[in-house]
Amino acid sequence: MPWGGLALAVLVAYFVQATLAWMLGPNPFDPFLVLALLLGLLRPTYDARLSGWMVGLAQDLGSADPLGIHAFTLGLTALFATQLRRVLNANVWWSRGVILLGAAWLPQIILRIFLQVRLGTTESPFGLLGRASLVTLLAAAVVMAILALPWVAAWRRRIRRTEGAY
């Protein structure tokens, strides 16, 4: 795993969160969640799990939330993504969406319940936690789909090149 690239990606996530995310409204998407999902989908299994946890720890160090909650939830997200990758075909676009939704929804619900119970935030009533976490997840999936476009284009070019070789 190119750990320097991971450090650069974490710095970019900090930059996006500090400069661009506030323009879109209160917590429209979590750039660290996007990064953990991207790593969980594209990196080898153990590298993805470790880097997901490290991204969460980096988010913990830069936030006012209790230390470890983001490391736990983003590490769990990367773990779920790698487990779902073994079951579902990650080369099909709709399967990637199922992997991302399945990997991130439960950890996001855990995060929101923890923040509401432990810190007393009045973000939303318990009945709306699933919907609020789903909105965050869908925003992260849209951003991730935009980020994945160069890889998809390269994959299609590679397939077209191999089809012409026969």
N, C-alpha and C. Protein backbone atom coordinates (compact mmCIF):
# COMPACT_ATOMS: atom_id res chain seq x y z
N MET A 1 0.86 -1.18 0.00
CA MET A 1 0.00 0.00 0.00
C MET A 1 0.89 1.24 0.00
N PRO A 2 0.66 2.15 -0.89
CA PRO A 2 1.43 3.41 -0.88
C PRO A 2 0.92 4.33 0.23
N TRP A 3 1.59 4.27 1.36
CA TRP A 3 1.11 4.99 2.54
C TRP A 3 1.24 6.50 2.38
N GLY A 4 2.18 6.95 1.57
CA GLY A 4 2.28 8.38 1.28
C GLY A 4 1.05 8.88 0.53
N GLY A 5 0.55 8.03 -0.37
CA GLY A 5 -0.67 8.37 -1.10
C GLY A 5 -1.87 8.44 -0.17
N LEU A 6 -1.91 7.55 0.83
CA LEU A 6 -2.99 7.59 1.81
C LEU A 6 -2.91 8.87 2.64
N ALA A 7 -1.72 9.25 3.03
CA ALA A 7 -1.57 10.49 3.80
C ALA A 7 -2.00 11.70 2.98
N LEU A 8 -1.67 11.71 1.70
CA LEU A 8 -2.10 12.79 0.82
C LEU A 8 -3.63 12.80 0.67
N ALA A 9 -4.23 11.62 0.55
CA ALA A 9 -5.69 11.53 0.43
C ALA A 9 -6.37 12.01 1.70
N VAL A 10 -5.80 11.73 2.86
CA VAL A 10 -6.37 12.22 4.13
C VAL A 10 -6.27 13.74 4.19
N LEU A 11 -5.16 14.29 3.74
CA LEU A 11 -5.03 15.75 3.71
C LEU A 11 -6.04 16.38 2.75
N VAL A 12 -6.29 15.74 1.62
CA VAL A 12 -7.31 16.24 0.70
C VAL A 12 -8.68 16.17 1.33
N ALA A 13 -8.96 15.09 2.08
CA ALA A 13 -10.25 14.97 2.77
C ALA A 13 -10.41 16.08 3.81
N TYR A 14 -9.34 16.39 4.55
CA TYR A 14 -9.39 17.51 5.49
C TYR A 14 -9.67 18.82 4.76
N PHE A 15 -9.01 19.02 3.62
CA PHE A 15 -9.20 20.24 2.85
C PHE A 15 -10.65 20.36 2.36
N VAL A 16 -11.19 19.27 1.85
CA VAL A 16 -12.57 19.28 1.36
C VAL A 16 -13.54 19.55 2.50
N GLN A 17 -13.30 18.92 3.65
CA GLN A 17 -14.19 19.11 4.78
C GLN A 17 -14.12 20.54 5.32
N ALA A 18 -12.93 21.10 5.33
CA ALA A 18 -12.77 22.43 5.91
C ALA A 18 -13.18 23.54 4.95
N THR A 19 -13.07 23.34 3.65
CA THR A 19 -13.31 24.44 2.74
C THR A 19 -14.57 24.30 1.89
N LEU A 20 -14.85 23.10 1.41
CA LEU A 20 -15.94 22.94 0.46
C LEU A 20 -17.23 22.41 1.07
N ALA A 21 -17.13 21.56 2.08
CA ALA A 21 -18.32 20.90 2.60
C ALA A 21 -19.28 21.88 3.26
N TRP A 22 -18.78 22.93 3.87
CA TRP A 22 -19.68 23.87 4.55
C TRP A 22 -20.54 24.65 3.57
N MET A 23 -20.09 24.76 2.32
CA MET A 23 -20.88 25.48 1.32
C MET A 23 -22.15 24.72 0.94
N LEU A 24 -22.14 23.41 1.12
CA LEU A 24 -23.26 22.58 0.70
C LEU A 24 -24.32 22.39 1.78
N GLY A 25 -24.11 22.94 2.95
CA GLY A 25 -25.09 22.82 4.02
C GLY A 25 -24.50 22.06 5.19
N PRO A 26 -25.32 21.84 6.22
CA PRO A 26 -24.81 21.15 7.41
C PRO A 26 -24.60 19.66 7.15
N ASN A 27 -23.36 19.24 7.17
CA ASN A 27 -22.96 17.84 6.99
C ASN A 27 -23.60 17.18 5.78
N PRO A 28 -23.36 17.69 4.58
CA PRO A 28 -23.99 17.07 3.41
C PRO A 28 -23.37 15.71 3.08
N PHE A 29 -22.08 15.59 3.24
CA PHE A 29 -21.39 14.32 3.05
C PHE A 29 -20.12 14.35 3.86
N ASP A 30 -19.60 13.19 4.11
CA ASP A 30 -18.39 13.05 4.91
C ASP A 30 -17.26 12.63 3.98
N PRO A 31 -16.28 13.50 3.72
CA PRO A 31 -15.20 13.11 2.82
C PRO A 31 -14.37 11.95 3.34
N PHE A 32 -14.32 11.78 4.65
CA PHE A 32 -13.59 10.64 5.21
C PHE A 32 -14.34 9.34 4.94
N LEU A 33 -15.66 9.39 4.97
CA LEU A 33 -16.47 8.22 4.61
C LEU A 33 -16.26 7.86 3.14
N VAL A 34 -16.21 8.87 2.29
CA VAL A 34 -15.95 8.65 0.87
C VAL A 34 -14.60 7.97 0.68
N LEU A 35 -13.60 8.45 1.40
CA LEU A 35 -12.26 7.88 1.29
C LEU A 35 -12.23 6.44 1.79
N ALA A 36 -12.89 6.17 2.92
CA ALA A 36 -12.92 4.81 3.46
C ALA A 36 -13.66 3.86 2.51
N LEU A 37 -14.74 4.34 1.90
CA LEU A 37 -15.47 3.50 0.94
C LEU A 37 -14.63 3.24 -0.32
N LEU A 38 -13.96 4.27 -0.78
CA LEU A 38 -13.11 4.13 -1.97
C LEU A 38 -11.98 3.13 -1.70
N LEU A 39 -11.36 3.23 -0.55
CA LEU A 39 -10.29 2.29 -0.19
C LEU A 39 -10.84 0.89 0.00
N GLY A 40 -12.01 0.78 0.64
CA GLY A 40 -12.61 -0.53 0.86
C GLY A 40 -13.02 -1.22 -0.42
N LEU A 41 -13.31 -0.46 -1.44
CA LEU A 41 -13.73 -1.04 -2.71
C LEU A 41 -12.57 -1.36 -3.64
N LEU A 42 -11.50 -0.55 -3.59
CA LEU A 42 -10.45 -0.68 -4.59
C LEU A 42 -9.16 -1.32 -4.10
N ARG A 43 -8.85 -1.26 -2.82
CA ARG A 43 -7.57 -1.76 -2.32
C ARG A 43 -7.65 -3.24 -1.95
N PRO A 44 -6.50 -3.92 -1.85
CA PRO A 44 -6.50 -5.30 -1.36
C PRO A 44 -7.10 -5.38 0.05
N THR A 45 -7.56 -6.55 0.41
CA THR A 45 -8.38 -6.73 1.61
C THR A 45 -7.75 -6.16 2.87
N TYR A 46 -6.56 -6.60 3.23
CA TYR A 46 -5.98 -6.18 4.50
C TYR A 46 -5.53 -4.72 4.47
N ASP A 47 -5.05 -4.27 3.33
CA ASP A 47 -4.70 -2.86 3.19
C ASP A 47 -5.94 -1.98 3.33
N ALA A 48 -7.05 -2.42 2.76
CA ALA A 48 -8.30 -1.64 2.84
C ALA A 48 -8.79 -1.55 4.28
N ARG A 49 -8.72 -2.63 5.00
CA ARG A 49 -9.19 -2.63 6.39
C ARG A 49 -8.32 -1.73 7.27
N LEU A 50 -7.02 -1.86 7.13
CA LEU A 50 -6.11 -1.05 7.93
C LEU A 50 -6.21 0.42 7.56
N SER A 51 -6.28 0.72 6.27
CA SER A 51 -6.36 2.12 5.86
C SER A 51 -7.70 2.74 6.22
N GLY A 52 -8.80 1.97 6.21
CA GLY A 52 -10.08 2.49 6.66
C GLY A 52 -10.03 2.90 8.13
N TRP A 53 -9.39 2.05 8.94
CA TRP A 53 -9.24 2.39 10.35
C TRP A 53 -8.35 3.63 10.53
N MET A 54 -7.28 3.72 9.73
CA MET A 54 -6.38 4.87 9.84
C MET A 54 -7.05 6.16 9.40
N VAL A 55 -7.90 6.10 8.39
CA VAL A 55 -8.65 7.28 7.95
C VAL A 55 -9.58 7.74 9.08
N GLY A 56 -10.23 6.79 9.74
CA GLY A 56 -11.09 7.13 10.87
C GLY A 56 -10.31 7.72 12.04
N LEU A 57 -9.13 7.19 12.30
CA LEU A 57 -8.29 7.74 13.37
C LEU A 57 -7.85 9.15 13.03
N ALA A 58 -7.52 9.39 11.77
CA ALA A 58 -7.15 10.75 11.35
C ALA A 58 -8.34 11.70 11.52
N GLN A 59 -9.55 11.22 11.22
CA GLN A 59 -10.72 12.07 11.42
C GLN A 59 -10.96 12.33 12.90
N ASP A 60 -10.71 11.32 13.73
CA ASP A 60 -10.84 11.51 15.18
C ASP A 60 -9.87 12.56 15.71
N LEU A 61 -8.65 12.55 15.20
CA LEU A 61 -7.65 13.49 15.67
C LEU A 61 -7.98 14.93 15.29
N GLY A 62 -8.75 15.11 14.24
CA GLY A 62 -9.09 16.45 13.78
C GLY A 62 -10.48 16.90 14.19
N SER A 63 -11.21 16.10 14.94
CA SER A 63 -12.58 16.49 15.31
C SER A 63 -12.70 16.61 16.83
N ALA A 64 -13.80 17.17 17.24
CA ALA A 64 -14.06 17.33 18.67
C ALA A 64 -14.81 16.14 19.25
N ASP A 65 -15.12 15.15 18.43
CA ASP A 65 -15.82 13.96 18.90
C ASP A 65 -14.87 13.10 19.73
N PRO A 66 -15.42 12.18 20.53
CA PRO A 66 -14.55 11.31 21.34
C PRO A 66 -13.60 10.50 20.48
N LEU A 67 -12.40 10.33 20.97
CA LEU A 67 -11.36 9.63 20.23
C LEU A 67 -11.74 8.16 20.04
N GLY A 68 -11.75 7.71 18.82
CA GLY A 68 -11.97 6.32 18.51
C GLY A 68 -13.29 6.01 17.83
N ILE A 69 -14.28 6.88 17.91
CA ILE A 69 -15.58 6.55 17.33
C ILE A 69 -15.52 6.53 15.81
N HIS A 70 -14.82 7.48 15.21
CA HIS A 70 -14.70 7.47 13.75
C HIS A 70 -13.77 6.36 13.28
N ALA A 71 -12.73 6.07 14.05
CA ALA A 71 -11.84 4.97 13.70
C ALA A 71 -12.61 3.65 13.72
N PHE A 72 -13.47 3.49 14.71
CA PHE A 72 -14.28 2.28 14.79
C PHE A 72 -15.25 2.17 13.63
N THR A 73 -16.00 3.24 13.37
CA THR A 73 -17.03 3.16 12.34
C THR A 73 -16.44 3.08 10.92
N LEU A 74 -15.38 3.82 10.64
CA LEU A 74 -14.80 3.74 9.31
C LEU A 74 -14.00 2.44 9.11
N GLY A 75 -13.40 1.94 10.18
CA GLY A 75 -12.78 0.62 10.10
C GLY A 75 -13.81 -0.47 9.86
N LEU A 76 -14.97 -0.34 10.52
CA LEU A 76 -16.06 -1.28 10.31
C LEU A 76 -16.62 -1.16 8.89
N THR A 77 -16.66 0.05 8.36
CA THR A 77 -17.11 0.25 6.99
C THR A 77 -16.17 -0.45 6.01
N ALA A 78 -14.87 -0.29 6.19
CA ALA A 78 -13.91 -0.96 5.31
C ALA A 78 -13.98 -2.48 5.46
N LEU A 79 -14.19 -2.96 6.69
CA LEU A 79 -14.33 -4.40 6.92
C LEU A 79 -15.55 -4.94 6.19
N PHE A 80 -16.69 -4.27 6.32
CA PHE A 80 -17.90 -4.71 5.63
C PHE A 80 -17.73 -4.66 4.12
N ALA A 81 -17.05 -3.62 3.62
CA ALA A 81 -16.84 -3.50 2.17
C ALA A 81 -16.00 -4.66 1.64
N THR A 82 -14.96 -5.03 2.37
CA THR A 82 -14.12 -6.13 1.89
C THR A 82 -14.85 -7.46 2.01
N GLN A 83 -15.69 -7.63 3.02
CA GLN A 83 -16.46 -8.87 3.13
C GLN A 83 -17.51 -8.97 2.03
N LEU A 84 -18.19 -7.85 1.74
CA LEU A 84 -19.20 -7.86 0.68
C LEU A 84 -18.56 -8.01 -0.70
N ARG A 85 -17.34 -7.53 -0.85
CA ARG A 85 -16.61 -7.69 -2.10
C ARG A 85 -16.34 -9.15 -2.42
N ARG A 86 -16.18 -9.97 -1.38
CA ARG A 86 -15.95 -11.39 -1.58
C ARG A 86 -17.21 -12.10 -2.05
N VAL A 87 -18.38 -11.58 -1.67
CA VAL A 87 -19.64 -12.23 -2.00
C VAL A 87 -20.21 -11.72 -3.32
N LEU A 88 -20.12 -10.41 -3.54
CA LEU A 88 -20.70 -9.79 -4.73
C LEU A 88 -19.61 -9.46 -5.74
N ASN A 89 -19.99 -9.38 -6.99
CA ASN A 89 -19.06 -9.04 -8.06
C ASN A 89 -18.87 -7.52 -8.10
N ALA A 90 -17.70 -7.06 -7.73
CA ALA A 90 -17.44 -5.62 -7.66
C ALA A 90 -17.17 -5.00 -9.02
N ASN A 91 -17.19 -5.79 -10.08
CA ASN A 91 -16.97 -5.25 -11.42
C ASN A 91 -18.26 -4.76 -12.07
N VAL A 92 -19.40 -5.07 -11.48
CA VAL A 92 -20.69 -4.63 -12.01
C VAL A 92 -21.10 -3.37 -11.25
N TRP A 93 -21.60 -2.36 -11.96
CA TRP A 93 -21.87 -1.05 -11.34
C TRP A 93 -22.92 -1.15 -10.25
N TRP A 94 -24.00 -1.90 -10.46
CA TRP A 94 -25.04 -1.95 -9.44
C TRP A 94 -24.58 -2.74 -8.22
N SER A 95 -23.69 -3.70 -8.45
CA SER A 95 -23.14 -4.47 -7.34
C SER A 95 -22.25 -3.58 -6.46
N ARG A 96 -21.52 -2.66 -7.08
CA ARG A 96 -20.73 -1.70 -6.30
C ARG A 96 -21.62 -0.85 -5.41
N GLY A 97 -22.77 -0.43 -5.95
CA GLY A 97 -23.72 0.34 -5.14
C GLY A 97 -24.24 -0.44 -3.95
N VAL A 98 -24.51 -1.72 -4.16
CA VAL A 98 -24.98 -2.57 -3.05
C VAL A 98 -23.87 -2.73 -2.02
N ILE A 99 -22.64 -2.91 -2.48
CA ILE A 99 -21.51 -3.03 -1.56
C ILE A 99 -21.36 -1.76 -0.73
N LEU A 100 -21.43 -0.61 -1.38
CA LEU A 100 -21.25 0.65 -0.66
C LEU A 100 -22.38 0.89 0.32
N LEU A 101 -23.60 0.64 -0.10
CA LEU A 101 -24.74 0.84 0.79
C LEU A 101 -24.68 -0.12 1.97
N GLY A 102 -24.40 -1.38 1.69
CA GLY A 102 -24.34 -2.36 2.77
C GLY A 102 -23.18 -2.13 3.71
N ALA A 103 -22.07 -1.63 3.18
CA ALA A 103 -20.89 -1.44 4.01
C ALA A 103 -21.00 -0.23 4.92
N ALA A 104 -21.68 0.80 4.49
CA ALA A 104 -21.64 2.06 5.23
C ALA A 104 -22.88 2.37 6.05
N TRP A 105 -24.00 1.76 5.75
CA TRP A 105 -25.22 2.19 6.41
C TRP A 105 -25.22 1.86 7.90
N LEU A 106 -24.92 0.63 8.29
CA LEU A 106 -24.92 0.26 9.70
C LEU A 106 -23.88 1.05 10.51
N PRO A 107 -22.62 1.18 10.04
CA PRO A 107 -21.68 2.00 10.81
C PRO A 107 -22.12 3.47 10.94
N GLN A 108 -22.78 4.02 9.92
CA GLN A 108 -23.26 5.40 10.03
C GLN A 108 -24.38 5.51 11.05
N ILE A 109 -25.26 4.52 11.10
CA ILE A 109 -26.31 4.52 12.12
C ILE A 109 -25.70 4.41 13.51
N ILE A 110 -24.69 3.54 13.67
CA ILE A 110 -24.00 3.41 14.96
C ILE A 110 -23.38 4.74 15.36
N LEU A 111 -22.73 5.42 14.42
CA LEU A 111 -22.11 6.71 14.70
C LEU A 111 -23.14 7.74 15.15
N ARG A 112 -24.24 7.82 14.44
CA ARG A 112 -25.26 8.83 14.78
C ARG A 112 -25.93 8.52 16.12
N ILE A 113 -26.18 7.25 16.42
CA ILE A 113 -26.76 6.90 17.71
C ILE A 113 -25.78 7.22 18.82
N PHE A 114 -24.50 6.90 18.62
CA PHE A 114 -23.50 7.21 19.64
C PHE A 114 -23.42 8.71 19.91
N LEU A 115 -23.37 9.49 18.83
CA LEU A 115 -23.27 10.94 19.02
C LEU A 115 -24.52 11.51 19.69
N GLN A 116 -25.67 10.93 19.39
CA GLN A 116 -26.89 11.44 19.99
C GLN A 116 -27.00 11.04 21.45
N VAL A 117 -26.66 9.80 21.79
CA VAL A 117 -26.78 9.34 23.18
C VAL A 117 -25.65 9.87 24.04
N ARG A 118 -24.43 9.74 23.58
CA ARG A 118 -23.26 10.09 24.39
C ARG A 118 -23.07 11.60 24.51
N LEU A 119 -23.24 12.30 23.41
CA LEU A 119 -22.98 13.73 23.43
C LEU A 119 -24.23 14.57 23.57
N GLY A 120 -25.38 13.95 23.45
CA GLY A 120 -26.63 14.69 23.61
C GLY A 120 -26.95 15.61 22.46
N THR A 121 -26.45 15.31 21.26
CA THR A 121 -26.79 16.15 20.12
C THR A 121 -28.24 15.92 19.74
N THR A 122 -28.87 16.95 19.27
CA THR A 122 -30.26 16.85 18.85
C THR A 122 -30.33 16.90 17.33
N GLU A 123 -29.48 16.11 16.71
CA GLU A 123 -29.40 16.10 15.25
C GLU A 123 -30.73 15.68 14.64
N SER A 124 -31.28 14.59 15.13
CA SER A 124 -32.57 14.12 14.65
C SER A 124 -33.12 13.12 15.66
N PRO A 125 -34.43 12.96 15.71
CA PRO A 125 -34.99 11.93 16.60
C PRO A 125 -34.57 10.54 16.14
N PHE A 126 -34.68 9.57 17.04
CA PHE A 126 -34.22 8.22 16.71
C PHE A 126 -34.91 7.65 15.48
N GLY A 127 -36.14 8.00 15.23
CA GLY A 127 -36.85 7.48 14.08
C GLY A 127 -36.28 7.96 12.77
N LEU A 128 -35.59 9.10 12.78
CA LEU A 128 -35.04 9.65 11.54
C LEU A 128 -33.56 9.32 11.35
N LEU A 129 -32.97 8.57 12.28
CA LEU A 129 -31.54 8.28 12.18
C LEU A 129 -31.22 7.47 10.93
N GLY A 130 -32.04 6.49 10.61
CA GLY A 130 -31.80 5.68 9.42
C GLY A 130 -31.86 6.51 8.16
N ARG A 131 -32.84 7.42 8.09
CA ARG A 131 -32.98 8.26 6.91
C ARG A 131 -31.85 9.27 6.81
N ALA A 132 -31.44 9.86 7.95
CA ALA A 132 -30.34 10.83 7.94
C ALA A 132 -29.03 10.16 7.53
N SER A 133 -28.79 8.95 8.03
CA SER A 133 -27.57 8.25 7.64
C SER A 133 -27.63 7.82 6.19
N LEU A 134 -28.81 7.50 5.68
CA LEU A 134 -28.95 7.13 4.28
C LEU A 134 -28.69 8.32 3.36
N VAL A 135 -29.13 9.52 3.77
CA VAL A 135 -28.86 10.72 2.97
C VAL A 135 -27.37 11.00 2.93
N THR A 136 -26.69 10.87 4.08
CA THR A 136 -25.24 11.05 4.11
C THR A 136 -24.55 10.03 3.21
N LEU A 137 -25.02 8.79 3.26
CA LEU A 137 -24.43 7.74 2.47
C LEU A 137 -24.66 7.97 0.98
N LEU A 138 -25.84 8.40 0.59
CA LEU A 138 -26.12 8.64 -0.82
C LEU A 138 -25.28 9.79 -1.36
N ALA A 139 -25.10 10.83 -0.54
CA ALA A 139 -24.23 11.93 -0.97
C ALA A 139 -22.79 11.44 -1.13
N ALA A 140 -22.33 10.59 -0.22
CA ALA A 140 -20.99 10.02 -0.33
C ALA A 140 -20.87 9.14 -1.56
N ALA A 141 -21.93 8.39 -1.89
CA ALA A 141 -21.89 7.53 -3.07
C ALA A 141 -21.83 8.34 -4.35
N VAL A 142 -22.54 9.46 -4.40
CA VAL A 142 -22.49 10.32 -5.58
C VAL A 142 -21.08 10.89 -5.76
N VAL A 143 -20.50 11.37 -4.67
CA VAL A 143 -19.14 11.91 -4.76
C VAL A 143 -18.16 10.81 -5.16
N MET A 144 -18.34 9.60 -4.62
CA MET A 144 -17.46 8.51 -4.96
C MET A 144 -17.62 8.09 -6.41
N ALA A 145 -18.84 8.12 -6.92
CA ALA A 145 -19.05 7.78 -8.33
C ALA A 145 -18.33 8.77 -9.23
N ILE A 146 -18.35 10.04 -8.86
CA ILE A 146 -17.64 11.05 -9.63
C ILE A 146 -16.13 10.80 -9.57
N LEU A 147 -15.63 10.44 -8.38
CA LEU A 147 -14.20 10.17 -8.24
C LEU A 147 -13.78 8.92 -9.00
N ALA A 148 -14.68 7.95 -9.14
CA ALA A 148 -14.33 6.69 -9.79
C ALA A 148 -14.41 6.75 -11.31
N LEU A 149 -14.90 7.86 -11.88
CA LEU A 149 -15.03 7.95 -13.34
C LEU A 149 -13.72 7.73 -14.09
N PRO A 150 -12.58 8.28 -13.65
CA PRO A 150 -11.34 8.00 -14.39
C PRO A 150 -10.97 6.52 -14.42
N TRP A 151 -11.21 5.79 -13.32
CA TRP A 151 -10.90 4.37 -13.30
C TRP A 151 -11.83 3.59 -14.23
N VAL A 152 -13.09 3.98 -14.28
CA VAL A 152 -14.04 3.31 -15.17
C VAL A 152 -13.66 3.56 -16.63
N ALA A 153 -13.28 4.80 -16.95
CA ALA A 153 -12.88 5.12 -18.32
C ALA A 153 -11.63 4.32 -18.71
N ALA A 154 -10.67 4.20 -17.83
CA ALA A 154 -9.46 3.43 -18.12
C ALA A 154 -9.79 1.95 -18.28
N TRP A 155 -10.70 1.45 -17.48
CA TRP A 155 -11.10 0.05 -17.58
C TRP A 155 -11.77 -0.22 -18.92
N ARG A 156 -12.64 0.69 -19.37
CA ARG A 156 -13.31 0.51 -20.66
C ARG A 156 -12.31 0.59 -21.82
N ARG A 157 -11.33 1.50 -21.74
CA ARG A 157 -10.32 1.58 -22.79
C ARG A 157 -9.51 0.28 -22.86
N ARG A 158 -9.18 -0.28 -21.70
CA ARG A 158 -8.42 -1.52 -21.66
C ARG A 158 -9.22 -2.67 -22.27
N ILE A 159 -10.53 -2.72 -22.02
CA ILE A 159 -11.36 -3.77 -22.59
C ILE A 159 -11.45 -3.61 -24.11
N ARG A 160 -11.62 -2.39 -24.58
CA ARG A 160 -11.70 -2.18 -26.03
C ARG A 160 -10.40 -2.55 -26.72
N ARG A 161 -9.26 -2.29 -26.07
CA ARG A 161 -7.98 -2.65 -26.65
C ARG A 161 -7.83 -4.16 -26.75
N THR A 162 -8.28 -4.90 -25.73
CA THR A 162 -8.14 -6.35 -25.76
C THR A 162 -9.13 -6.99 -26.73
N GLU A 163 -10.29 -6.36 -26.94
CA GLU A 163 -11.26 -6.91 -27.90
C GLU A 163 -10.71 -6.82 -29.32
N GLY A 164 -10.00 -5.77 -29.63
CA GLY A 164 -9.44 -5.60 -30.96
C GLY A 164 -8.25 -6.50 -31.24
N ALA A 165 -7.66 -7.08 -30.19
CA ALA A 165 -6.47 -7.91 -30.35
C ALA A 165 -6.80 -9.31 -30.89
N TYR A 166 -8.04 -9.72 -30.82
CA TYR A 166 -8.40 -11.07 -31.25
C TYR A 166 -8.72 -11.11 -32.66
